[in-house]
C-alpha atoms as a PDB file:
ATOM      1  CA  GLN A   1     -60.491   1.316  55.334  1.00  0.00           C
ATOM      2  CA  ASP A   2     -56.811   1.983  55.988  1.00  0.00           C
ATOM      3  CA  ARG A   3     -56.336   5.209  57.736  1.00  0.00           C
ATOM      4  CA  LEU A   4     -54.491   7.140  60.317  1.00  0.00           C
ATOM      5  CA  ALA A   5     -56.632   8.867  62.943  1.00  0.00           C
ATOM      6  CA  GLU A   6     -55.357  11.905  64.791  1.00  0.00           C
ATOM      7  CA  SER A   7     -56.734  13.129  68.114  1.00  0.00           C
ATOM      8  CA  GLY A   8     -55.741  15.489  70.943  1.00  0.00           C
ATOM      9  CA  GLY A   9     -55.665  18.749  69.127  1.00  0.00           C
ATOM     10  CA  GLY A  10     -57.445  21.913  70.307  1.00  0.00           C
ATOM     11  CA  SER A  11     -56.811  25.429  71.664  1.00  0.00           C
ATOM     12  CA  VAL A  12     -54.380  26.321  74.442  1.00  0.00           C
ATOM     13  CA  GLN A  13     -52.701  29.404  75.709  1.00  0.00           C
ATOM     14  CA  ALA A  14     -49.026  30.055  75.110  1.00  0.00           C
ATOM     15  CA  GLY A  15     -46.907  28.040  77.499  1.00  0.00           C
ATOM     16  CA  GLY A  16     -49.407  25.254  77.704  1.00  0.00           C
ATOM     17  CA  SER A  17     -49.222  21.624  76.594  1.00  0.00           C
ATOM     18  CA  LEU A  18     -51.086  19.260  74.257  1.00  0.00           C
ATOM     19  CA  ARG A  19     -50.513  15.614  73.387  1.00  0.00           C
ATOM     20  CA  LEU A  20     -51.430  14.520  69.930  1.00  0.00           C
ATOM     21  CA  SER A  21     -52.195  10.840  69.308  1.00  0.00           C
ATOM     22  CA  CYS A  22     -52.269   8.946  65.999  1.00  0.00           C
ATOM     23  CA  ASP A  23     -54.042   5.616  65.896  1.00  0.00           C
ATOM     24  CA  GLY A  24     -52.457   3.578  63.126  1.00  0.00           C
ATOM     25  CA  SER A  25     -54.127   0.290  64.047  1.00  0.00           C
ATOM     26  CA  ARG A  26     -56.117   0.365  60.786  1.00  0.00           C
ATOM     27  CA  TYR A  27     -53.112   1.157  58.681  1.00  0.00           C
ATOM     28  CA  ASN A  28     -51.872  -2.069  57.153  1.00  0.00           C
ATOM     29  CA  PHE A  29     -49.290  -1.080  54.544  1.00  0.00           C
ATOM     30  CA  ARG A  30     -45.548  -1.289  55.041  1.00  0.00           C
ATOM     31  CA  ARG A  31     -44.015   1.497  57.061  1.00  0.00           C
ATOM     32  CA  ASN A  32     -40.695   2.027  58.790  1.00  0.00           C
ATOM     33  CA  CYS A  33     -41.156   5.670  59.693  1.00  0.00           C
ATOM     34  CA  MET A  34     -43.839   7.685  61.394  1.00  0.00           C
ATOM     35  CA  ALA A  35     -43.904  11.456  61.435  1.00  0.00           C
ATOM     36  CA  TRP A  36     -45.836  14.487  62.486  1.00  0.00           C
ATOM     37  CA  TRP A  37     -46.008  17.304  59.904  1.00  0.00           C
ATOM     38  CA  ARG A  38     -47.721  20.621  60.218  1.00  0.00           C
ATOM     39  CA  GLN A  39     -48.976  23.466  58.049  1.00  0.00           C
ATOM     40  CA  GLY A  40     -49.613  26.866  59.516  1.00  0.00           C
ATOM     41  CA  PRO A  41     -51.690  29.611  57.933  1.00  0.00           C
ATOM     42  CA  GLY A  42     -50.137  30.704  54.658  1.00  0.00           C
ATOM     43  CA  GLU A  43     -47.181  28.473  55.215  1.00  0.00           C
ATOM     44  CA  GLU A  44     -45.727  25.322  53.554  1.00  0.00           C
ATOM     45  CA  ARG A  45     -45.944  22.038  55.237  1.00  0.00           C
ATOM     46  CA  GLU A  46     -42.988  21.111  57.388  1.00  0.00           C
ATOM     47  CA  ALA A  47     -41.849  18.002  59.116  1.00  0.00           C
ATOM     48  CA  VAL A  48     -42.001  18.535  62.879  1.00  0.00           C
ATOM     49  CA  ALA A  49     -40.850  15.211  64.302  1.00  0.00           C
ATOM     50  CA  ILE A  50     -39.991  11.860  62.753  1.00  0.00           C
ATOM     51  CA  MET A  51     -39.259   8.414  64.107  1.00  0.00           C
ATOM     52  CA  TYR A  52     -37.494   6.070  61.676  1.00  0.00           C
ATOM     53  CA  SER A  53     -36.592   2.509  62.472  1.00  0.00           C
ATOM     54  CA  GLY A  54     -33.394   2.854  60.437  1.00  0.00           C
ATOM     55  CA  HIS A  55     -32.197   5.814  62.473  1.00  0.00           C
ATOM     56  CA  GLY A  56     -30.954   5.804  66.029  1.00  0.00           C
ATOM     57  CA  SER A  57     -32.747   8.933  67.301  1.00  0.00           C
ATOM     58  CA  ALA A  58     -35.814  10.944  66.408  1.00  0.00           C
ATOM     59  CA  TYR A  59     -35.611  13.971  64.122  1.00  0.00           C
ATOM     60  CA  TYR A  60     -37.030  17.325  65.179  1.00  0.00           C
ATOM     61  CA  THR A  61     -37.194  20.552  63.320  1.00  0.00           C
ATOM     62  CA  ASP A  62     -35.162  23.167  65.064  1.00  0.00           C
ATOM     63  CA  SER A  63     -38.083  25.294  66.234  1.00  0.00           C
ATOM     64  CA  VAL A  64     -39.527  22.512  68.390  1.00  0.00           C
ATOM     65  CA  LYS A  65     -36.354  20.919  69.828  1.00  0.00           C
ATOM     66  CA  GLY A  66     -36.556  20.732  73.606  1.00  0.00           C
ATOM     67  CA  ARG A  67     -40.246  21.335  73.584  1.00  0.00           C
ATOM     68  CA  PHE A  68     -41.817  18.503  71.554  1.00  0.00           C
ATOM     69  CA  THR A  69     -41.288  14.747  71.926  1.00  0.00           C
ATOM     70  CA  ILE A  70     -42.324  12.062  69.534  1.00  0.00           C
ATOM     71  CA  SER A  71     -42.941   8.523  70.793  1.00  0.00           C
ATOM     72  CA  GLN A  72     -44.713   5.359  69.636  1.00  0.00           C
ATOM     73  CA  ASP A  73     -46.392   2.263  70.935  1.00  0.00           C
ATOM     74  CA  ASN A  74     -45.644  -0.479  68.531  1.00  0.00           C
ATOM     75  CA  ALA A  75     -48.204  -2.849  70.058  1.00  0.00           C
ATOM     76  CA  LYS A  76     -50.916  -0.265  69.450  1.00  0.00           C
ATOM     77  CA  LYS A  77     -49.423   0.871  66.136  1.00  0.00           C
ATOM     78  CA  SER A  78     -49.806   4.384  67.461  1.00  0.00           C
ATOM     79  CA  VAL A  79     -47.568   7.456  67.549  1.00  0.00           C
ATOM     80  CA  TYR A  80     -47.744  10.437  69.841  1.00  0.00           C
ATOM     81  CA  LEU A  81     -46.475  13.957  69.902  1.00  0.00           C
ATOM     82  CA  GLN A  82     -46.099  15.594  73.332  1.00  0.00           C
ATOM     83  CA  MET A  83     -45.994  19.384  72.835  1.00  0.00           C
ATOM     84  CA  ASN A  84     -44.887  21.483  75.829  1.00  0.00           C
ATOM     85  CA  ASN A  85     -44.291  25.217  76.122  1.00  0.00           C
ATOM     86  CA  LEU A  86     -46.440  25.879  73.152  1.00  0.00           C
ATOM     87  CA  LYS A  87     -46.024  29.113  71.280  1.00  0.00           C
ATOM     88  CA  PRO A  88     -48.449  31.024  69.011  1.00  0.00           C
ATOM     89  CA  GLU A  89     -46.167  30.159  66.018  1.00  0.00           C
ATOM     90  CA  ASP A  90     -46.969  26.432  66.684  1.00  0.00           C
ATOM     91  CA  THR A  91     -50.516  27.164  65.515  1.00  0.00           C
ATOM     92  CA  ALA A  92     -51.127  24.839  62.573  1.00  0.00           C
ATOM     93  CA  MET A  93     -52.882  21.818  61.192  1.00  0.00           C
ATOM     94  CA  TYR A  94     -50.941  18.782  62.363  1.00  0.00           C
ATOM     95  CA  PHE A  95     -50.801  15.666  60.292  1.00  0.00           C
ATOM     96  CA  CYS A  96     -49.816  12.102  61.196  1.00  0.00           C
ATOM     97  CA  VAL A  97     -47.833  10.476  58.439  1.00  0.00           C
ATOM     98  CA  ALA A  98     -46.670   6.955  57.712  1.00  0.00           C
ATOM     99  CA  ASP A  99     -44.130   6.060  55.100  1.00  0.00           C
ATOM    100  CA  PHE A 100     -41.536   3.466  53.987  1.00  0.00           C
ATOM    101  CA  LEU A 101     -38.065   4.700  53.416  1.00  0.00           C
ATOM    102  CA  ALA A 102     -35.544   2.845  51.334  1.00  0.00           C
ATOM    103  CA  SER A 103     -32.093   2.434  52.753  1.00  0.00           C
ATOM    104  CA  ASN A 104     -29.781   5.413  52.560  1.00  0.00           C
ATOM    105  CA  THR A 105     -32.745   7.735  52.329  1.00  0.00           C
ATOM    106  CA  GLU A 106     -32.767  10.986  54.371  1.00  0.00           C
ATOM    107  CA  VAL A 107     -35.074  10.666  57.323  1.00  0.00           C
ATOM    108  CA  THR A 108     -36.692  13.990  56.352  1.00  0.00           C
ATOM    109  CA  GLU A 109     -38.097  12.129  53.349  1.00  0.00           C
ATOM    110  CA  CYS A 110     -40.575  10.480  55.625  1.00  0.00           C
ATOM    111  CA  GLY A 111     -43.940  11.701  54.368  1.00  0.00           C
ATOM    112  CA  GLN A 112     -42.646  12.571  50.913  1.00  0.00           C
ATOM    113  CA  THR A 113     -42.182   9.269  49.082  1.00  0.00           C
ATOM    114  CA  ASN A 114     -44.766   7.664  46.809  1.00  0.00           C
ATOM    115  CA  LEU A 115     -45.488   5.219  49.652  1.00  0.00           C
ATOM    116  CA  LYS A 116     -46.580   7.939  52.076  1.00  0.00           C
ATOM    117  CA  TYR A 117     -49.925   8.019  53.745  1.00  0.00           C
ATOM    118  CA  TRP A 118     -51.280  11.116  55.424  1.00  0.00           C
ATOM    119  CA  GLY A 119     -53.951  11.414  58.057  1.00  0.00           C
ATOM    120  CA  GLN A 120     -56.722  14.037  57.728  1.00  0.00           C
ATOM    121  CA  GLY A 121     -55.053  16.411  60.149  1.00  0.00           C
ATOM    122  CA  ILE A 122     -55.998  18.026  63.391  1.00  0.00           C
ATOM    123  CA  GLN A 123     -55.952  21.679  64.349  1.00  0.00           C
ATOM    124  CA  VAL A 124     -53.725  23.095  67.105  1.00  0.00           C
ATOM    125  CA  THR A 125     -54.277  26.758  68.045  1.00  0.00           C
ATOM    126  CA  VAL A 126     -52.050  28.536  70.555  1.00  0.00           C
ATOM    127  CA  SER A 127     -53.055  31.955  71.723  1.00  0.00           C
ATOM    128  CA  SER A 128     -50.837  34.568  73.261  1.00  0.00           C
END
């Protein structure tokens, strides 16, 4: 069964760190971007970090710039999210997402096309 499997979530105090992992080895559809999205309590989903092969650098939402780093291991078909200096407002369900973007598509569309595939999500809780 094709799927994306997230791991590494949990509870941490403010200022702490977590590293999320997404195993995409069993995802066999076309993809040229991988992303981490999140949805906090009562909030809409937002793209946190995106890696897109057609773009020179990773995308980060403003609130995590300088604290979060997305990376990938192509051999393992995995993507990671290193989260440092976590804040209570980072508390959310985090989702690993794979997608295929057509050329001239905004990188923030990763996770929103009809070719998208979302993992089940993993909870991150940051206490003050």
